[in-house]
All heavy atoms as atom14 arrays in JSON, in Angstrom:
{
  "sequence": "RPSQVEIRDVLPGWCALAVEPEVFHVGGPCETDTALCLAV",
  "atom14_mask": [
    [1, 1, 1, 1, 1, 1, 1, 1, 1, 1, 1, 0, 0, 0],
    [1, 1, 1, 1, 1, 1, 1, 0, 0, 0, 0, 0, 0, 0],
    [1, 1, 1, 1, 1, 1, 0, 0, 0, 0, 0, 0, 0, 0],
    [1, 1, 1, 1, 1, 1, 1, 1, 1, 0, 0, 0, 0, 0],
    [1, 1, 1, 1, 1, 1, 1, 0, 0, 0, 0, 0, 0, 0],
    [1, 1, 1, 1, 1, 1, 1, 1, 1, 0, 0, 0, 0, 0],
    [1, 1, 1, 1, 1, 1, 1, 1, 0, 0, 0, 0, 0, 0],
    [1, 1, 1, 1, 1, 1, 1, 1, 1, 1, 1, 0, 0, 0],
    [1, 1, 1, 1, 1, 1, 1, 1, 0, 0, 0, 0, 0, 0],
    [1, 1, 1, 1, 1, 1, 1, 0, 0, 0, 0, 0, 0, 0],
    [1, 1, 1, 1, 1, 1, 1, 1, 0, 0, 0, 0, 0, 0],
    [1, 1, 1, 1, 1, 1, 1, 0, 0, 0, 0, 0, 0, 0],
    [1, 1, 1, 1, 0, 0, 0, 0, 0, 0, 0, 0, 0, 0],
    [1, 1, 1, 1, 1, 1, 1, 1, 1, 1, 1, 1, 1, 1],
    [1, 1, 1, 1, 1, 1, 0, 0, 0, 0, 0, 0, 0, 0],
    [1, 1, 1, 1, 1, 0, 0, 0, 0, 0, 0, 0, 0, 0],
    [1, 1, 1, 1, 1, 1, 1, 1, 0, 0, 0, 0, 0, 0],
    [1, 1, 1, 1, 1, 0, 0, 0, 0, 0, 0, 0, 0, 0],
    [1, 1, 1, 1, 1, 1, 1, 0, 0, 0, 0, 0, 0, 0],
    [1, 1, 1, 1, 1, 1, 1, 1, 1, 0, 0, 0, 0, 0],
    [1, 1, 1, 1, 1, 1, 1, 0, 0, 0, 0, 0, 0, 0],
    [1, 1, 1, 1, 1, 1, 1, 1, 1, 0, 0, 0, 0, 0],
    [1, 1, 1, 1, 1, 1, 1, 0, 0, 0, 0, 0, 0, 0],
    [1, 1, 1, 1, 1, 1, 1, 1, 1, 1, 1, 0, 0, 0],
    [1, 1, 1, 1, 1, 1, 1, 1, 1, 1, 0, 0, 0, 0],
    [1, 1, 1, 1, 1, 1, 1, 0, 0, 0, 0, 0, 0, 0],
    [1, 1, 1, 1, 0, 0, 0, 0, 0, 0, 0, 0, 0, 0],
    [1, 1, 1, 1, 0, 0, 0, 0, 0, 0, 0, 0, 0, 0],
    [1, 1, 1, 1, 1, 1, 1, 0, 0, 0, 0, 0, 0, 0],
    [1, 1, 1, 1, 1, 1, 0, 0, 0, 0, 0, 0, 0, 0],
    [1, 1, 1, 1, 1, 1, 1, 1, 1, 0, 0, 0, 0, 0],
    [1, 1, 1, 1, 1, 1, 1, 0, 0, 0, 0, 0, 0, 0],
    [1, 1, 1, 1, 1, 1, 1, 1, 0, 0, 0, 0, 0, 0],
    [1, 1, 1, 1, 1, 1, 1, 0, 0, 0, 0, 0, 0, 0],
    [1, 1, 1, 1, 1, 0, 0, 0, 0, 0, 0, 0, 0, 0],
    [1, 1, 1, 1, 1, 1, 1, 1, 0, 0, 0, 0, 0, 0],
    [1, 1, 1, 1, 1, 1, 0, 0, 0, 0, 0, 0, 0, 0],
    [1, 1, 1, 1, 1, 1, 1, 1, 0, 0, 0, 0, 0, 0],
    [1, 1, 1, 1, 1, 0, 0, 0, 0, 0, 0, 0, 0, 0],
    [1, 1, 1, 1, 1, 1, 1, 0, 0, 0, 0, 0, 0, 0]
  ],
  "atom14_positions": [
    [[116.03, 90.4, 108.62], [117.24, 90.24, 109.43], [117.39, 91.47, 110.32], [118.21, 92.34, 110.09], [118.44, 90.08, 108.51], [119.6, 89.37, 109.18], [120.74, 89.2, 108.21], [120.87, 87.82, 107.82], [121.79, 87.38, 106.96], [122.64, 88.21, 106.4], [121.87, 86.12, 106.67], [0.0, 0.0, 0.0], [0.0, 0.0, 0.0], [0.0, 0.0, 0.0]],
    [[116.56, 91.55, 111.39], [116.61, 92.73, 112.27], [117.92, 92.83, 113.03], [118.51, 91.81, 113.38], [115.44, 92.51, 113.24], [115.07, 91.07, 113.13], [115.55, 90.57, 111.8], [0.0, 0.0, 0.0], [0.0, 0.0, 0.0], [0.0, 0.0, 0.0], [0.0, 0.0, 0.0], [0.0, 0.0, 0.0], [0.0, 0.0, 0.0], [0.0, 0.0, 0.0]],
    [[118.36, 94.06, 113.26], [119.56, 94.31, 114.06], [119.13, 94.79, 115.44], [117.93, 94.81, 115.75], [120.42, 95.39, 113.38], [119.85, 96.67, 113.6], [0.0, 0.0, 0.0], [0.0, 0.0, 0.0], [0.0, 0.0, 0.0], [0.0, 0.0, 0.0], [0.0, 0.0, 0.0], [0.0, 0.0, 0.0], [0.0, 0.0, 0.0], [0.0, 0.0, 0.0]],
    [[120.08, 95.2, 116.24], [119.77, 95.76, 117.57], [119.7, 97.28, 117.54], [119.43, 97.91, 118.55], [120.87, 95.34, 118.57], [121.02, 93.83, 118.71], [119.75, 93.16, 119.2], [119.15, 93.58, 120.18], [119.32, 92.12, 118.5], [0.0, 0.0, 0.0], [0.0, 0.0, 0.0], [0.0, 0.0, 0.0], [0.0, 0.0, 0.0], [0.0, 0.0, 0.0]],
    [[119.95, 97.89, 116.37], [120.02, 99.35, 116.28], [118.63, 99.94, 116.07], [117.96, 99.66, 115.07], [120.96, 99.78, 115.12], [121.04, 101.3, 115.04], [122.34, 99.17, 115.3], [0.0, 0.0, 0.0], [0.0, 0.0, 0.0], [0.0, 0.0, 0.0], [0.0, 0.0, 0.0], [0.0, 0.0, 0.0], [0.0, 0.0, 0.0], [0.0, 0.0, 0.0]],
    [[118.21, 100.74, 117.02], [116.88, 101.37, 116.97], [116.88, 102.51, 115.94], [117.8, 103.33, 115.93], [116.51, 101.96, 118.34], [116.48, 100.95, 119.46], [115.16, 100.21, 119.57], [114.16, 100.68, 118.99], [115.15, 99.16, 120.23], [0.0, 0.0, 0.0], [0.0, 0.0, 0.0], [0.0, 0.0, 0.0], [0.0, 0.0, 0.0], [0.0, 0.0, 0.0]],
    [[115.83, 102.57, 115.12], [115.71, 103.64, 114.13], [115.67, 105.0, 114.83], [116.29, 105.96, 114.4], [114.47, 103.44, 113.24], [114.66, 102.19, 112.36], [114.21, 104.67, 112.37], [113.43, 101.77, 111.59], [0.0, 0.0, 0.0], [0.0, 0.0, 0.0], [0.0, 0.0, 0.0], [0.0, 0.0, 0.0], [0.0, 0.0, 0.0], [0.0, 0.0, 0.0]],
    [[114.98, 105.07, 115.97], [114.83, 106.36, 116.67], [116.18, 106.93, 117.12], [116.32, 108.12, 117.29], [113.86, 106.24, 117.84], [114.38, 105.46, 119.02], [113.47, 105.59, 120.24], [113.87, 104.61, 121.22], [113.28, 103.43, 121.39], [112.24, 103.11, 120.63], [113.71, 102.57, 122.29], [0.0, 0.0, 0.0], [0.0, 0.0, 0.0], [0.0, 0.0, 0.0]],
    [[117.17, 106.05, 117.31], [118.49, 106.53, 117.75], [119.3, 107.14, 116.61], [120.24, 107.88, 116.86], [119.3, 105.38, 118.36], [118.68, 104.88, 119.67], [117.86, 105.62, 120.25], [119.01, 103.75, 120.07], [0.0, 0.0, 0.0], [0.0, 0.0, 0.0], [0.0, 0.0, 0.0], [0.0, 0.0, 0.0], [0.0, 0.0, 0.0], [0.0, 0.0, 0.0]],
    [[118.97, 106.79, 115.36], [119.76, 107.24, 114.22], [118.97, 108.18, 113.31], [119.48, 109.19, 112.85], [120.26, 106.02, 113.4], [121.15, 106.45, 112.25], [121.0, 105.03, 114.3], [0.0, 0.0, 0.0], [0.0, 0.0, 0.0], [0.0, 0.0, 0.0], [0.0, 0.0, 0.0], [0.0, 0.0, 0.0], [0.0, 0.0, 0.0], [0.0, 0.0, 0.0]],
    [[117.72, 107.83, 113.06], [116.84, 108.61, 112.18], [115.52, 108.86, 112.91], [114.48, 108.31, 112.55], [116.57, 107.83, 110.88], [117.78, 107.51, 110.0], [117.43, 106.45, 108.98], [118.27, 108.77, 109.31], [0.0, 0.0, 0.0], [0.0, 0.0, 0.0], [0.0, 0.0, 0.0], [0.0, 0.0, 0.0], [0.0, 0.0, 0.0], [0.0, 0.0, 0.0]],
    [[115.55, 109.7, 113.96], [114.38, 109.83, 114.84], [113.09, 110.21, 114.13], [112.03, 109.74, 114.52], [114.8, 110.89, 115.86], [116.03, 111.54, 115.32], [116.65, 110.57, 114.36], [0.0, 0.0, 0.0], [0.0, 0.0, 0.0], [0.0, 0.0, 0.0], [0.0, 0.0, 0.0], [0.0, 0.0, 0.0], [0.0, 0.0, 0.0], [0.0, 0.0, 0.0]],
    [[113.17, 111.0, 113.09], [111.95, 111.41, 112.39], [111.22, 110.29, 111.69], [110.03, 110.38, 111.42], [0.0, 0.0, 0.0], [0.0, 0.0, 0.0], [0.0, 0.0, 0.0], [0.0, 0.0, 0.0], [0.0, 0.0, 0.0], [0.0, 0.0, 0.0], [0.0, 0.0, 0.0], [0.0, 0.0, 0.0], [0.0, 0.0, 0.0], [0.0, 0.0, 0.0]],
    [[111.94, 109.21, 111.4], [111.35, 108.13, 110.6], [110.75, 107.0, 111.43], [110.03, 106.16, 110.9], [112.42, 107.56, 109.66], [112.8, 108.56, 108.61], [113.88, 109.4, 108.63], [112.1, 108.86, 107.41], [113.89, 110.2, 107.51], [112.81, 109.89, 106.75], [110.94, 108.38, 106.84], [112.39, 110.43, 105.54], [110.51, 108.9, 105.63], [111.24, 109.93, 104.99]],
    [[111.02, 106.96, 112.74], [110.56, 105.8, 113.51], [109.05, 105.69, 113.59], [108.51, 104.6, 113.68], [111.21, 105.75, 114.89], [110.83, 107.12, 115.95], [0.0, 0.0, 0.0], [0.0, 0.0, 0.0], [0.0, 0.0, 0.0], [0.0, 0.0, 0.0], [0.0, 0.0, 0.0], [0.0, 0.0, 0.0], [0.0, 0.0, 0.0], [0.0, 0.0, 0.0]],
    [[108.32, 106.81, 113.5], [106.86, 106.76, 113.57], [106.26, 106.05, 112.35], [105.16, 105.5, 112.43], [106.29, 108.17, 113.69], [0.0, 0.0, 0.0], [0.0, 0.0, 0.0], [0.0, 0.0, 0.0], [0.0, 0.0, 0.0], [0.0, 0.0, 0.0], [0.0, 0.0, 0.0], [0.0, 0.0, 0.0], [0.0, 0.0, 0.0], [0.0, 0.0, 0.0]],
    [[106.98, 106.06, 111.23], [106.46, 105.42, 110.01], [106.94, 103.98, 109.86], [106.44, 103.24, 109.02], [106.9, 106.23, 108.78], [106.35, 107.65, 108.68], [107.02, 108.42, 107.56], [104.84, 107.62, 108.47], [0.0, 0.0, 0.0], [0.0, 0.0, 0.0], [0.0, 0.0, 0.0], [0.0, 0.0, 0.0], [0.0, 0.0, 0.0], [0.0, 0.0, 0.0]],
    [[107.92, 103.58, 110.68], [108.48, 102.24, 110.57], [107.54, 101.2, 111.17], [106.84, 101.47, 112.14], [109.84, 102.19, 111.27], [0.0, 0.0, 0.0], [0.0, 0.0, 0.0], [0.0, 0.0, 0.0], [0.0, 0.0, 0.0], [0.0, 0.0, 0.0], [0.0, 0.0, 0.0], [0.0, 0.0, 0.0], [0.0, 0.0, 0.0], [0.0, 0.0, 0.0]],
    [[107.55, 100.01, 110.57], [106.76, 98.91, 111.12], [107.61, 98.19, 112.17], [108.83, 98.29, 112.19], [106.31, 97.92, 110.01], [105.34, 98.59, 109.06], [107.48, 97.32, 109.27], [0.0, 0.0, 0.0], [0.0, 0.0, 0.0], [0.0, 0.0, 0.0], [0.0, 0.0, 0.0], [0.0, 0.0, 0.0], [0.0, 0.0, 0.0], [0.0, 0.0, 0.0]],
    [[106.94, 97.45, 113.06], [107.63, 96.68, 114.1], [108.5, 95.6, 113.47], [108.09, 95.04, 112.46], [106.59, 96.02, 115.02], [105.8, 97.0, 115.85], [106.55, 97.49, 117.07], [107.44, 96.77, 117.54], [106.26, 98.59, 117.53], [0.0, 0.0, 0.0], [0.0, 0.0, 0.0], [0.0, 0.0, 0.0], [0.0, 0.0, 0.0], [0.0, 0.0, 0.0]],
    [[109.61, 95.24, 114.02], [110.31, 95.99, 115.07], [110.96, 97.23, 114.48], [111.44, 97.19, 113.35], [111.35, 94.99, 115.56], [111.64, 94.12, 114.37], [110.34, 94.05, 113.61], [0.0, 0.0, 0.0], [0.0, 0.0, 0.0], [0.0, 0.0, 0.0], [0.0, 0.0, 0.0], [0.0, 0.0, 0.0], [0.0, 0.0, 0.0], [0.0, 0.0, 0.0]],
    [[110.95, 98.31, 115.22], [111.43, 99.61, 114.71], [112.95, 99.7, 114.82], [113.49, 100.57, 115.49], [110.73, 100.74, 115.45], [109.25, 100.79, 115.15], [108.47, 101.65, 116.12], [109.07, 102.29, 117.0], [107.23, 101.67, 115.99], [0.0, 0.0, 0.0], [0.0, 0.0, 0.0], [0.0, 0.0, 0.0], [0.0, 0.0, 0.0], [0.0, 0.0, 0.0]],
    [[113.62, 98.76, 114.15], [115.08, 98.68, 114.15], [115.58, 98.64, 112.71], [114.82, 98.35, 111.79], [115.59, 97.42, 114.9], [115.21, 97.47, 116.37], [115.08, 96.15, 114.24], [0.0, 0.0, 0.0], [0.0, 0.0, 0.0], [0.0, 0.0, 0.0], [0.0, 0.0, 0.0], [0.0, 0.0, 0.0], [0.0, 0.0, 0.0], [0.0, 0.0, 0.0]],
    [[116.86, 98.94, 112.55], [117.48, 98.75, 111.25], [117.52, 97.26, 110.96], [117.71, 96.44, 111.87], [118.93, 99.27, 111.26], [119.04, 100.74, 111.05], [118.82, 101.63, 112.09], [119.38, 101.26, 109.8], [118.93, 103.0, 111.91], [119.49, 102.62, 109.62], [119.26, 103.5, 110.66], [0.0, 0.0, 0.0], [0.0, 0.0, 0.0], [0.0, 0.0, 0.0]],
    [[117.33, 96.89, 109.71], [117.49, 95.51, 109.28], [118.81, 95.43, 108.52], [119.19, 96.37, 107.84], [116.31, 95.08, 108.41], [115.12, 94.69, 109.21], [114.48, 95.56, 110.06], [114.47, 93.52, 109.32], [113.47, 94.93, 110.65], [113.45, 93.69, 110.22], [0.0, 0.0, 0.0], [0.0, 0.0, 0.0], [0.0, 0.0, 0.0], [0.0, 0.0, 0.0]],
    [[119.49, 94.31, 108.65], [120.77, 94.13, 107.97], [120.47, 93.77, 106.52], [120.05, 92.66, 106.21], [121.61, 93.02, 108.65], [122.94, 92.86, 107.94], [121.81, 93.35, 110.12], [0.0, 0.0, 0.0], [0.0, 0.0, 0.0], [0.0, 0.0, 0.0], [0.0, 0.0, 0.0], [0.0, 0.0, 0.0], [0.0, 0.0, 0.0], [0.0, 0.0, 0.0]],
    [[120.66, 94.74, 105.63], [120.3, 94.57, 104.22], [121.31, 93.78, 103.42], [121.01, 93.3, 102.34], [0.0, 0.0, 0.0], [0.0, 0.0, 0.0], [0.0, 0.0, 0.0], [0.0, 0.0, 0.0], [0.0, 0.0, 0.0], [0.0, 0.0, 0.0], [0.0, 0.0, 0.0], [0.0, 0.0, 0.0], [0.0, 0.0, 0.0], [0.0, 0.0, 0.0]],
    [[122.51, 93.65, 103.93], [123.54, 92.9, 103.22], [124.92, 93.37, 103.62], [125.07, 94.31, 104.4], [0.0, 0.0, 0.0], [0.0, 0.0, 0.0], [0.0, 0.0, 0.0], [0.0, 0.0, 0.0], [0.0, 0.0, 0.0], [0.0, 0.0, 0.0], [0.0, 0.0, 0.0], [0.0, 0.0, 0.0], [0.0, 0.0, 0.0], [0.0, 0.0, 0.0]],
    [[125.92, 92.72, 103.05], [127.3, 92.98, 103.45], [127.95, 94.21, 102.81], [129.02, 94.62, 103.22], [128.03, 91.71, 103.02], [127.25, 91.23, 101.83], [125.82, 91.59, 102.11], [0.0, 0.0, 0.0], [0.0, 0.0, 0.0], [0.0, 0.0, 0.0], [0.0, 0.0, 0.0], [0.0, 0.0, 0.0], [0.0, 0.0, 0.0], [0.0, 0.0, 0.0]],
    [[127.31, 94.81, 101.82], [127.91, 95.95, 101.12], [127.51, 97.27, 101.78], [126.35, 97.48, 102.11], [127.45, 95.99, 99.66], [127.79, 94.49, 98.73], [0.0, 0.0, 0.0], [0.0, 0.0, 0.0], [0.0, 0.0, 0.0], [0.0, 0.0, 0.0], [0.0, 0.0, 0.0], [0.0, 0.0, 0.0], [0.0, 0.0, 0.0], [0.0, 0.0, 0.0]],
    [[128.5, 98.15, 101.97], [128.26, 99.5, 102.5], [127.32, 99.5, 103.71], [126.28, 100.15, 103.7], [127.75, 100.42, 101.4], [128.78, 100.63, 100.3], [128.37, 101.68, 99.27], [127.76, 102.68, 99.66], [128.67, 101.46, 98.09], [0.0, 0.0, 0.0], [0.0, 0.0, 0.0], [0.0, 0.0, 0.0], [0.0, 0.0, 0.0], [0.0, 0.0, 0.0]],
    [[127.71, 98.77, 104.75], [126.84, 98.61, 105.92], [126.6, 99.9, 106.69], [125.72, 99.95, 107.54], [127.42, 97.55, 106.87], [128.77, 97.91, 107.18], [127.39, 96.17, 106.24], [0.0, 0.0, 0.0], [0.0, 0.0, 0.0], [0.0, 0.0, 0.0], [0.0, 0.0, 0.0], [0.0, 0.0, 0.0], [0.0, 0.0, 0.0], [0.0, 0.0, 0.0]],
    [[127.34, 100.96, 106.37], [127.09, 102.24, 107.01], [126.11, 103.09, 106.2], [125.84, 104.23, 106.53], [128.4, 103.01, 107.25], [129.21, 103.2, 105.97], [128.88, 102.56, 104.94], [130.17, 103.98, 106.0], [0.0, 0.0, 0.0], [0.0, 0.0, 0.0], [0.0, 0.0, 0.0], [0.0, 0.0, 0.0], [0.0, 0.0, 0.0], [0.0, 0.0, 0.0]],
    [[125.56, 102.51, 105.14], [124.59, 103.2, 104.29], [123.19, 102.74, 104.67], [122.96, 101.55, 104.85], [124.84, 102.84, 102.8], [126.16, 103.21, 102.46], [123.87, 103.55, 101.89], [0.0, 0.0, 0.0], [0.0, 0.0, 0.0], [0.0, 0.0, 0.0], [0.0, 0.0, 0.0], [0.0, 0.0, 0.0], [0.0, 0.0, 0.0], [0.0, 0.0, 0.0]],
    [[122.26, 103.69, 104.8], [120.88, 103.34, 105.1], [120.04, 103.41, 103.83], [120.08, 104.39, 103.1], [120.31, 104.28, 106.15], [0.0, 0.0, 0.0], [0.0, 0.0, 0.0], [0.0, 0.0, 0.0], [0.0, 0.0, 0.0], [0.0, 0.0, 0.0], [0.0, 0.0, 0.0], [0.0, 0.0, 0.0], [0.0, 0.0, 0.0], [0.0, 0.0, 0.0]],
    [[119.28, 102.35, 103.58], [118.32, 102.31, 102.49], [116.95, 102.15, 103.13], [116.8, 101.37, 104.07], [118.56, 101.1, 101.58], [119.72, 101.15, 100.62], [119.9, 99.79, 99.97], [119.47, 102.2, 99.56], [0.0, 0.0, 0.0], [0.0, 0.0, 0.0], [0.0, 0.0, 0.0], [0.0, 0.0, 0.0], [0.0, 0.0, 0.0], [0.0, 0.0, 0.0]],
    [[115.97, 102.84, 102.61], [114.64, 102.76, 103.18], [113.66, 102.31, 102.11], [113.58, 102.91, 101.03], [114.23, 104.12, 103.73], [112.59, 104.12, 104.45], [0.0, 0.0, 0.0], [0.0, 0.0, 0.0], [0.0, 0.0, 0.0], [0.0, 0.0, 0.0], [0.0, 0.0, 0.0], [0.0, 0.0, 0.0], [0.0, 0.0, 0.0], [0.0, 0.0, 0.0]],
    [[112.91, 101.25, 102.43], [111.85, 100.78, 101.54], [110.52, 101.03, 102.22], [110.37, 100.75, 103.41], [111.99, 99.29, 101.24], [113.12, 98.88, 100.31], [113.14, 97.37, 100.14], [112.99, 99.56, 98.96], [0.0, 0.0, 0.0], [0.0, 0.0, 0.0], [0.0, 0.0, 0.0], [0.0, 0.0, 0.0], [0.0, 0.0, 0.0], [0.0, 0.0, 0.0]],
    [[109.56, 101.54, 101.44], [108.23, 101.81, 101.98], [107.18, 101.21, 101.05], [107.43, 101.02, 99.86], [108.01, 103.31, 102.1], [0.0, 0.0, 0.0], [0.0, 0.0, 0.0], [0.0, 0.0, 0.0], [0.0, 0.0, 0.0], [0.0, 0.0, 0.0], [0.0, 0.0, 0.0], [0.0, 0.0, 0.0], [0.0, 0.0, 0.0], [0.0, 0.0, 0.0]],
    [[106.03, 100.95, 101.63], [104.9, 100.45, 100.85], [103.83, 101.53, 100.86], [103.51, 102.09, 101.91], [104.36, 99.14, 101.45], [103.09, 98.7, 100.74], [105.42, 98.05, 101.38], [0.0, 0.0, 0.0], [0.0, 0.0, 0.0], [0.0, 0.0, 0.0], [0.0, 0.0, 0.0], [0.0, 0.0, 0.0], [0.0, 0.0, 0.0], [0.0, 0.0, 0.0]]
  ]
}
C-alpha cells in the first residue's frame, strides 16, 4: 500500500537501501506518524 511520501524527504539516509517504489507504505491505521522498517 504505497503512499505519496518519498523516503528521501523524511529519512534521506535510508532511500538508497529501499526497494522501488522508494516511498513510505501505509502499514496500518495505528500510530501513522510512526515509521517501521522491514528489511530482508
